[in-house]
Amino acid sequence: MVHALVNISDKANRVLNIVKAKYSLKDKSQAIEKLAQEYEELLLEKPFRPEFVAEVQRIRKGPFRKIVSLDDLLETA
């Protein structure tokens, strides 16, 4: 666990108190943790859905043909 001494504005302090009360948290450090979790869910990249991963894996398996020249490509089109 990391310990930090932070300076926050009065407004940020009120927001932390509201979060603390809303979620029945013990202290402001838990409120900060809750805000960080919410931020992570909203803004950071979400993992791919299992259906998408399965579809990509299916596509990667093939069927593929080796094309050496542009003529080979035009013949298959």
PDB file of N, CA and C in Angstrom:
ATOM      1  N   MET A   1       0.836  -1.167   0.000  1.00  0.00           N
ATOM      2  CA  MET A   1       0.000   0.000   0.000  1.00  0.00           C
ATOM      3  C   MET A   1       0.887   1.237   0.000  1.00  0.00           C
ATOM      4  N   VAL A   2       0.465   2.234  -0.761  1.00  0.00           N
ATOM      5  CA  VAL A   2       1.208   3.478  -0.877  1.00  0.00           C
ATOM      6  C   VAL A   2       0.557   4.519   0.023  1.00  0.00           C
ATOM      7  N   HIS A   3       1.370   5.252   0.747  1.00  0.00           N
ATOM      8  CA  HIS A   3       0.884   6.352   1.575  1.00  0.00           C
ATOM      9  C   HIS A   3       1.267   7.650   0.898  1.00  0.00           C
ATOM     10  N   ALA A   4       0.316   8.614   0.890  1.00  0.00           N
ATOM     11  CA  ALA A   4       0.590   9.894   0.239  1.00  0.00           C
ATOM     12  C   ALA A   4      -0.037  11.019   1.040  1.00  0.00           C
ATOM     13  N   LEU A   5       0.658  12.103   1.099  1.00  0.00           N
ATOM     14  CA  LEU A   5       0.134  13.319   1.700  1.00  0.00           C
ATOM     15  C   LEU A   5      -0.250  14.219   0.542  1.00  0.00           C
ATOM     16  N   VAL A   6      -1.537  14.588   0.459  1.00  0.00           N
ATOM     17  CA  VAL A   6      -2.013  15.361  -0.682  1.00  0.00           C
ATOM     18  C   VAL A   6      -2.638  16.672  -0.221  1.00  0.00           C
ATOM     19  N   ASN A   7      -2.527  17.672  -1.057  1.00  0.00           N
ATOM     20  CA  ASN A   7      -3.199  18.946  -0.837  1.00  0.00           C
ATOM     21  C   ASN A   7      -4.359  19.022  -1.815  1.00  0.00           C
ATOM     22  N   ILE A   8      -5.575  19.200  -1.295  1.00  0.00           N
ATOM     23  CA  ILE A   8      -6.747  19.290  -2.152  1.00  0.00           C
ATOM     24  C   ILE A   8      -7.519  20.560  -1.809  1.00  0.00           C
ATOM     25  N   SER A   9      -8.316  20.987  -2.756  1.00  0.00           N
ATOM     26  CA  SER A   9      -9.120  22.197  -2.545  1.00  0.00           C
ATOM     27  C   SER A   9     -10.298  21.879  -1.625  1.00  0.00           C
ATOM     28  N   ASP A  10     -10.954  22.923  -1.160  1.00  0.00           N
ATOM     29  CA  ASP A  10     -12.140  22.736  -0.326  1.00  0.00           C
ATOM     30  C   ASP A  10     -13.239  22.007  -1.091  1.00  0.00           C
ATOM     31  N   LYS A  11     -13.362  22.331  -2.352  1.00  0.00           N
ATOM     32  CA  LYS A  11     -14.387  21.687  -3.180  1.00  0.00           C
ATOM     33  C   LYS A  11     -14.106  20.186  -3.317  1.00  0.00           C
ATOM     34  N   ALA A  12     -12.854  19.830  -3.578  1.00  0.00           N
ATOM     35  CA  ALA A  12     -12.488  18.416  -3.682  1.00  0.00           C
ATOM     36  C   ALA A  12     -12.708  17.707  -2.352  1.00  0.00           C
ATOM     37  N   ASN A  13     -12.446  18.387  -1.269  1.00  0.00           N
ATOM     38  CA  ASN A  13     -12.673  17.820   0.054  1.00  0.00           C
ATOM     39  C   ASN A  13     -14.155  17.523   0.276  1.00  0.00           C
ATOM     40  N   ARG A  14     -15.012  18.438  -0.163  1.00  0.00           N
ATOM     41  CA  ARG A  14     -16.460  18.215  -0.034  1.00  0.00           C
ATOM     42  C   ARG A  14     -16.901  17.034  -0.886  1.00  0.00           C
ATOM     43  N   VAL A  15     -16.341  16.922  -2.097  1.00  0.00           N
ATOM     44  CA  VAL A  15     -16.678  15.789  -2.972  1.00  0.00           C
ATOM     45  C   VAL A  15     -16.265  14.479  -2.299  1.00  0.00           C
ATOM     46  N   LEU A  16     -15.082  14.448  -1.725  1.00  0.00           N
ATOM     47  CA  LEU A  16     -14.636  13.240  -1.030  1.00  0.00           C
ATOM     48  C   LEU A  16     -15.549  12.899   0.135  1.00  0.00           C
ATOM     49  N   ASN A  17     -15.986  13.906   0.870  1.00  0.00           N
ATOM     50  CA  ASN A  17     -16.908  13.665   1.974  1.00  0.00           C
ATOM     51  C   ASN A  17     -18.244  13.111   1.480  1.00  0.00           C
ATOM     52  N   ILE A  18     -18.717  13.599   0.351  1.00  0.00           N
ATOM     53  CA  ILE A  18     -19.975  13.097  -0.219  1.00  0.00           C
ATOM     54  C   ILE A  18     -19.814  11.649  -0.655  1.00  0.00           C
ATOM     55  N   VAL A  19     -18.721  11.340  -1.337  1.00  0.00           N
ATOM     56  CA  VAL A  19     -18.458   9.958  -1.775  1.00  0.00           C
ATOM     57  C   VAL A  19     -18.342   9.043  -0.563  1.00  0.00           C
ATOM     58  N   LYS A  20     -17.647   9.513   0.434  1.00  0.00           N
ATOM     59  CA  LYS A  20     -17.466   8.744   1.679  1.00  0.00           C
ATOM     60  C   LYS A  20     -18.815   8.429   2.318  1.00  0.00           C
ATOM     61  N   ALA A  21     -19.698   9.420   2.384  1.00  0.00           N
ATOM     62  CA  ALA A  21     -21.015   9.217   2.983  1.00  0.00           C
ATOM     63  C   ALA A  21     -21.917   8.347   2.112  1.00  0.00           C
ATOM     64  N   LYS A  22     -21.873   8.576   0.807  1.00  0.00           N
ATOM     65  CA  LYS A  22     -22.749   7.840  -0.107  1.00  0.00           C
ATOM     66  C   LYS A  22     -22.482   6.347  -0.075  1.00  0.00           C
ATOM     67  N   TYR A  23     -21.218   5.962   0.001  1.00  0.00           N
ATOM     68  CA  TYR A  23     -20.857   4.541  -0.047  1.00  0.00           C
ATOM     69  C   TYR A  23     -20.516   3.981   1.335  1.00  0.00           C
ATOM     70  N   SER A  24     -20.810   4.737   2.398  1.00  0.00           N
ATOM     71  CA  SER A  24     -20.558   4.309   3.783  1.00  0.00           C
ATOM     72  C   SER A  24     -19.110   3.860   3.981  1.00  0.00           C
ATOM     73  N   LEU A  25     -18.187   4.690   3.533  1.00  0.00           N
ATOM     74  CA  LEU A  25     -16.768   4.366   3.642  1.00  0.00           C
ATOM     75  C   LEU A  25     -16.223   4.879   4.966  1.00  0.00           C
ATOM     76  N   LYS A  26     -15.132   4.268   5.425  1.00  0.00           N
ATOM     77  CA  LYS A  26     -14.565   4.611   6.726  1.00  0.00           C
ATOM     78  C   LYS A  26     -13.775   5.917   6.706  1.00  0.00           C
ATOM     79  N   ASP A  27     -13.035   6.152   5.608  1.00  0.00           N
ATOM     80  CA  ASP A  27     -12.198   7.340   5.566  1.00  0.00           C
ATOM     81  C   ASP A  27     -12.055   7.861   4.141  1.00  0.00           C
ATOM     82  N   LYS A  28     -11.372   8.971   4.012  1.00  0.00           N
ATOM     83  CA  LYS A  28     -11.225   9.606   2.707  1.00  0.00           C
ATOM     84  C   LYS A  28     -10.325   8.803   1.769  1.00  0.00           C
ATOM     85  N   SER A  29      -9.417   8.025   2.336  1.00  0.00           N
ATOM     86  CA  SER A  29      -8.565   7.206   1.460  1.00  0.00           C
ATOM     87  C   SER A  29      -9.413   6.168   0.719  1.00  0.00           C
ATOM     88  N   GLN A  30     -10.438   5.645   1.368  1.00  0.00           N
ATOM     89  CA  GLN A  30     -11.343   4.722   0.685  1.00  0.00           C
ATOM     90  C   GLN A  30     -12.170   5.469  -0.363  1.00  0.00           C
ATOM     91  N   ALA A  31     -12.513   6.725  -0.073  1.00  0.00           N
ATOM     92  CA  ALA A  31     -13.246   7.533  -1.041  1.00  0.00           C
ATOM     93  C   ALA A  31     -12.393   7.794  -2.281  1.00  0.00           C
ATOM     94  N   ILE A  32     -11.127   8.086  -2.070  1.00  0.00           N
ATOM     95  CA  ILE A  32     -10.210   8.282  -3.205  1.00  0.00           C
ATOM     96  C   ILE A  32     -10.088   6.996  -4.007  1.00  0.00           C
ATOM     97  N   GLU A  33      -9.997   5.866  -3.325  1.00  0.00           N
ATOM     98  CA  GLU A  33      -9.923   4.560  -4.002  1.00  0.00           C
ATOM     99  C   GLU A  33     -11.181   4.317  -4.834  1.00  0.00           C
ATOM    100  N   LYS A  34     -12.342   4.647  -4.284  1.00  0.00           N
ATOM    101  CA  LYS A  34     -13.607   4.482  -5.008  1.00  0.00           C
ATOM    102  C   LYS A  34     -13.638   5.364  -6.253  1.00  0.00           C
ATOM    103  N   LEU A  35     -13.202   6.604  -6.117  1.00  0.00           N
ATOM    104  CA  LEU A  35     -13.157   7.499  -7.274  1.00  0.00           C
ATOM    105  C   LEU A  35     -12.201   6.971  -8.345  1.00  0.00           C
ATOM    106  N   ALA A  36     -11.085   6.414  -7.923  1.00  0.00           N
ATOM    107  CA  ALA A  36     -10.125   5.855  -8.878  1.00  0.00           C
ATOM    108  C   ALA A  36     -10.733   4.666  -9.613  1.00  0.00           C
ATOM    109  N   GLN A  37     -11.488   3.830  -8.918  1.00  0.00           N
ATOM    110  CA  GLN A  37     -12.146   2.687  -9.562  1.00  0.00           C
ATOM    111  C   GLN A  37     -13.172   3.163 -10.581  1.00  0.00           C
ATOM    112  N   GLU A  38     -13.956   4.175 -10.209  1.00  0.00           N
ATOM    113  CA  GLU A  38     -14.951   4.724 -11.129  1.00  0.00           C
ATOM    114  C   GLU A  38     -14.267   5.315 -12.370  1.00  0.00           C
ATOM    115  N   TYR A  39     -13.182   6.033 -12.158  1.00  0.00           N
ATOM    116  CA  TYR A  39     -12.438   6.628 -13.263  1.00  0.00           C
ATOM    117  C   TYR A  39     -11.914   5.544 -14.191  1.00  0.00           C
ATOM    118  N   GLU A  40     -11.396   4.485 -13.608  1.00  0.00           N
ATOM    119  CA  GLU A  40     -10.871   3.383 -14.403  1.00  0.00           C
ATOM    120  C   GLU A  40     -11.957   2.775 -15.280  1.00  0.00           C
ATOM    121  N   GLU A  41     -13.127   2.549 -14.723  1.00  0.00           N
ATOM    122  CA  GLU A  41     -14.221   1.949 -15.483  1.00  0.00           C
ATOM    123  C   GLU A  41     -14.696   2.855 -16.615  1.00  0.00           C
ATOM    124  N   LEU A  42     -14.696   4.161 -16.384  1.00  0.00           N
ATOM    125  CA  LEU A  42     -15.209   5.092 -17.381  1.00  0.00           C
ATOM    126  C   LEU A  42     -14.222   5.414 -18.489  1.00  0.00           C
ATOM    127  N   LEU A  43     -12.958   5.574 -18.147  1.00  0.00           N
ATOM    128  CA  LEU A  43     -12.031   6.147 -19.118  1.00  0.00           C
ATOM    129  C   LEU A  43     -10.977   5.204 -19.666  1.00  0.00           C
ATOM    130  N   LEU A  44     -10.597   4.216 -18.914  1.00  0.00           N
ATOM    131  CA  LEU A  44      -9.533   3.348 -19.395  1.00  0.00           C
ATOM    132  C   LEU A  44     -10.083   2.276 -20.322  1.00  0.00           C
ATOM    133  N   GLU A  45      -9.192   1.670 -21.078  1.00  0.00           N
ATOM    134  CA  GLU A  45      -9.613   0.670 -22.045  1.00  0.00           C
ATOM    135  C   GLU A  45     -10.266  -0.519 -21.362  1.00  0.00           C
ATOM    136  N   LYS A  46     -11.359  -0.933 -21.950  1.00  0.00           N
ATOM    137  CA  LYS A  46     -12.054  -2.095 -21.439  1.00  0.00           C
ATOM    138  C   LYS A  46     -11.491  -3.347 -22.126  1.00  0.00           C
ATOM    139  N   PRO A  47     -11.480  -4.465 -21.438  1.00  0.00           N
ATOM    140  CA  PRO A  47     -11.001  -5.694 -22.091  1.00  0.00           C
ATOM    141  C   PRO A  47     -11.984  -6.115 -23.191  1.00  0.00           C
ATOM    142  N   PHE A  48     -11.484  -6.857 -24.134  1.00  0.00           N
ATOM    143  CA  PHE A  48     -12.329  -7.311 -25.229  1.00  0.00           C
ATOM    144  C   PHE A  48     -13.347  -8.329 -24.734  1.00  0.00           C
ATOM    145  N   ARG A  49     -14.511  -8.302 -25.340  1.00  0.00           N
ATOM    146  CA  ARG A  49     -15.540  -9.286 -25.004  1.00  0.00           C
ATOM    147  C   ARG A  49     -15.068 -10.656 -25.476  1.00  0.00           C
ATOM    148  N   PRO A  50     -15.429 -11.720 -24.782  1.00  0.00           N
ATOM    149  CA  PRO A  50     -15.000 -13.072 -25.175  1.00  0.00           C
ATOM    150  C   PRO A  50     -15.448 -13.443 -26.585  1.00  0.00           C
ATOM    151  N   GLU A  51     -16.625 -12.969 -27.009  1.00  0.00           N
ATOM    152  CA  GLU A  51     -17.104 -13.291 -28.361  1.00  0.00           C
ATOM    153  C   GLU A  51     -16.178 -12.687 -29.422  1.00  0.00           C
ATOM    154  N   PHE A  52     -15.701 -11.473 -29.161  1.00  0.00           N
ATOM    155  CA  PHE A  52     -14.809 -10.817 -30.108  1.00  0.00           C
ATOM    156  C   PHE A  52     -13.484 -11.560 -30.189  1.00  0.00           C
ATOM    157  N   VAL A  53     -12.939 -11.965 -29.047  1.00  0.00           N
ATOM    158  CA  VAL A  53     -11.676 -12.704 -29.014  1.00  0.00           C
ATOM    159  C   VAL A  53     -11.820 -14.013 -29.782  1.00  0.00           C
ATOM    160  N   ALA A  54     -12.928 -14.717 -29.571  1.00  0.00           N
ATOM    161  CA  ALA A  54     -13.152 -15.984 -30.281  1.00  0.00           C
ATOM    162  C   ALA A  54     -13.249 -15.758 -31.779  1.00  0.00           C
ATOM    163  N   GLU A  55     -13.907 -14.684 -32.205  1.00  0.00           N
ATOM    164  CA  GLU A  55     -14.036 -14.384 -33.628  1.00  0.00           C
ATOM    165  C   GLU A  55     -12.686 -14.065 -34.260  1.00  0.00           C
ATOM    166  N   VAL A  56     -11.867 -13.289 -33.577  1.00  0.00           N
ATOM    167  CA  VAL A  56     -10.531 -12.972 -34.094  1.00  0.00           C
ATOM    168  C   VAL A  56      -9.685 -14.239 -34.205  1.00  0.00           C
ATOM    169  N   GLN A  57      -9.752 -15.095 -33.216  1.00  0.00           N
ATOM    170  CA  GLN A  57      -8.990 -16.346 -33.270  1.00  0.00           C
ATOM    171  C   GLN A  57      -9.461 -17.225 -34.422  1.00  0.00           C
ATOM    172  N   ARG A  58     -10.763 -17.252 -34.672  1.00  0.00           N
ATOM    173  CA  ARG A  58     -11.293 -18.043 -35.791  1.00  0.00           C
ATOM    174  C   ARG A  58     -10.780 -17.494 -37.112  1.00  0.00           C
ATOM    175  N   ILE A  59     -10.773 -16.172 -37.254  1.00  0.00           N
ATOM    176  CA  ILE A  59     -10.312 -15.551 -38.501  1.00  0.00           C
ATOM    177  C   ILE A  59      -8.826 -15.796 -38.713  1.00  0.00           C
ATOM    178  N   ARG A  60      -8.034 -15.763 -37.649  1.00  0.00           N
ATOM    179  CA  ARG A  60      -6.580 -15.936 -37.770  1.00  0.00           C
ATOM    180  C   ARG A  60      -6.195 -17.327 -38.252  1.00  0.00           C
ATOM    181  N   LYS A  61      -7.069 -18.314 -38.054  1.00  0.00           N
ATOM    182  CA  LYS A  61      -6.747 -19.692 -38.442  1.00  0.00           C
ATOM    183  C   LYS A  61      -6.816 -19.906 -39.947  1.00  0.00           C
ATOM    184  N   GLY A  62      -7.493 -19.064 -40.677  1.00  0.00           N
ATOM    185  CA  GLY A  62      -7.485 -19.232 -42.122  1.00  0.00           C
ATOM    186  C   GLY A  62      -8.881 -19.386 -42.669  1.00  0.00           C
ATOM    187  N   PRO A  63      -9.035 -19.770 -43.877  1.00  0.00           N
ATOM    188  CA  PRO A  63      -8.071 -20.223 -44.870  1.00  0.00           C
ATOM    189  C   PRO A  63      -7.350 -19.042 -45.545  1.00  0.00           C
ATOM    190  N   PHE A  64      -6.063 -19.205 -45.758  1.00  0.00           N
ATOM    191  CA  PHE A  64      -5.257 -18.178 -46.399  1.00  0.00           C
ATOM    192  C   PHE A  64      -4.563 -18.778 -47.610  1.00  0.00           C
ATOM    193  N   ARG A  65      -4.313 -17.919 -48.601  1.00  0.00           N
ATOM    194  CA  ARG A  65      -3.542 -18.336 -49.772  1.00  0.00           C
ATOM    195  C   ARG A  65      -2.371 -17.386 -49.928  1.00  0.00           C
ATOM    196  N   LYS A  66      -1.260 -17.922 -50.334  1.00  0.00           N
ATOM    197  CA  LYS A  66      -0.073 -17.095 -50.531  1.00  0.00           C
ATOM    198  C   LYS A  66      -0.168 -16.421 -51.894  1.00  0.00           C
ATOM    199  N   ILE A  67      -0.005 -15.112 -51.910  1.00  0.00           N
ATOM    200  CA  ILE A  67      -0.044 -14.335 -53.139  1.00  0.00           C
ATOM    201  C   ILE A  67       1.331 -13.726 -53.336  1.00  0.00           C
ATOM    202  N   VAL A  68       1.953 -14.070 -54.451  1.00  0.00           N
ATOM    203  CA  VAL A  68       3.313 -13.643 -54.724  1.00  0.00           C
ATOM    204  C   VAL A  68       3.336 -12.357 -55.540  1.00  0.00           C
ATOM    205  N   SER A  69       2.382 -12.199 -56.428  1.00  0.00           N
ATOM    206  CA  SER A  69       2.405 -11.025 -57.295  1.00  0.00           C
ATOM    207  C   SER A  69       1.028 -10.382 -57.358  1.00  0.00           C
ATOM    208  N   LEU A  70       0.985  -9.225 -57.955  1.00  0.00           N
ATOM    209  CA  LEU A  70      -0.272  -8.527 -58.127  1.00  0.00           C
ATOM    210  C   LEU A  70      -1.202  -9.297 -59.055  1.00  0.00           C
ATOM    211  N   ASP A  71      -0.640  -9.993 -60.033  1.00  0.00           N
ATOM    212  CA  ASP A  71      -1.446 -10.805 -60.954  1.00  0.00           C
ATOM    213  C   ASP A  71      -2.182 -11.907 -60.191  1.00  0.00           C
ATOM    214  N   ASP A  72      -1.492 -12.525 -59.217  1.00  0.00           N
ATOM    215  CA  ASP A  72      -2.142 -13.557 -58.388  1.00  0.00           C
ATOM    216  C   ASP A  72      -3.334 -12.968 -57.642  1.00  0.00           C
ATOM    217  N   LEU A  73      -3.172 -11.775 -57.165  1.00  0.00           N
ATOM    218  CA  LEU A  73      -4.236 -11.116 -56.419  1.00  0.00           C
ATOM    219  C   LEU A  73      -5.416 -10.803 -57.338  1.00  0.00           C
ATOM    220  N   LEU A  74      -5.134 -10.331 -58.541  1.00  0.00           N
ATOM    221  CA  LEU A  74      -6.191  -9.974 -59.482  1.00  0.00           C
ATOM    222  C   LEU A  74      -6.935 -11.207 -59.967  1.00  0.00           C
ATOM    223  N   GLU A  75      -6.260 -12.331 -60.083  1.00  0.00           N
ATOM    224  CA  GLU A  75      -6.914 -13.567 -60.512  1.00  0.00           C
ATOM    225  C   GLU A  75      -7.914 -14.056 -59.469  1.00  0.00           C
ATOM    226  N   THR A  76      -7.635 -13.846 -58.208  1.00  0.00           N
ATOM    227  CA  THR A  76      -8.526 -14.340 -57.158  1.00  0.00           C
ATOM    228  C   THR A  76      -9.714 -13.415 -56.926  1.00  0.00           C
ATOM    229  N   ALA A  77      -9.642 -12.171 -57.400  1.00  0.00           N
ATOM    230  CA  ALA A  77     -10.716 -11.204 -57.147  1.00  0.00           C
ATOM    231  C   ALA A  77     -11.896 -11.405 -58.009  1.00  0.00           C
TER     232      ALA A  77
END
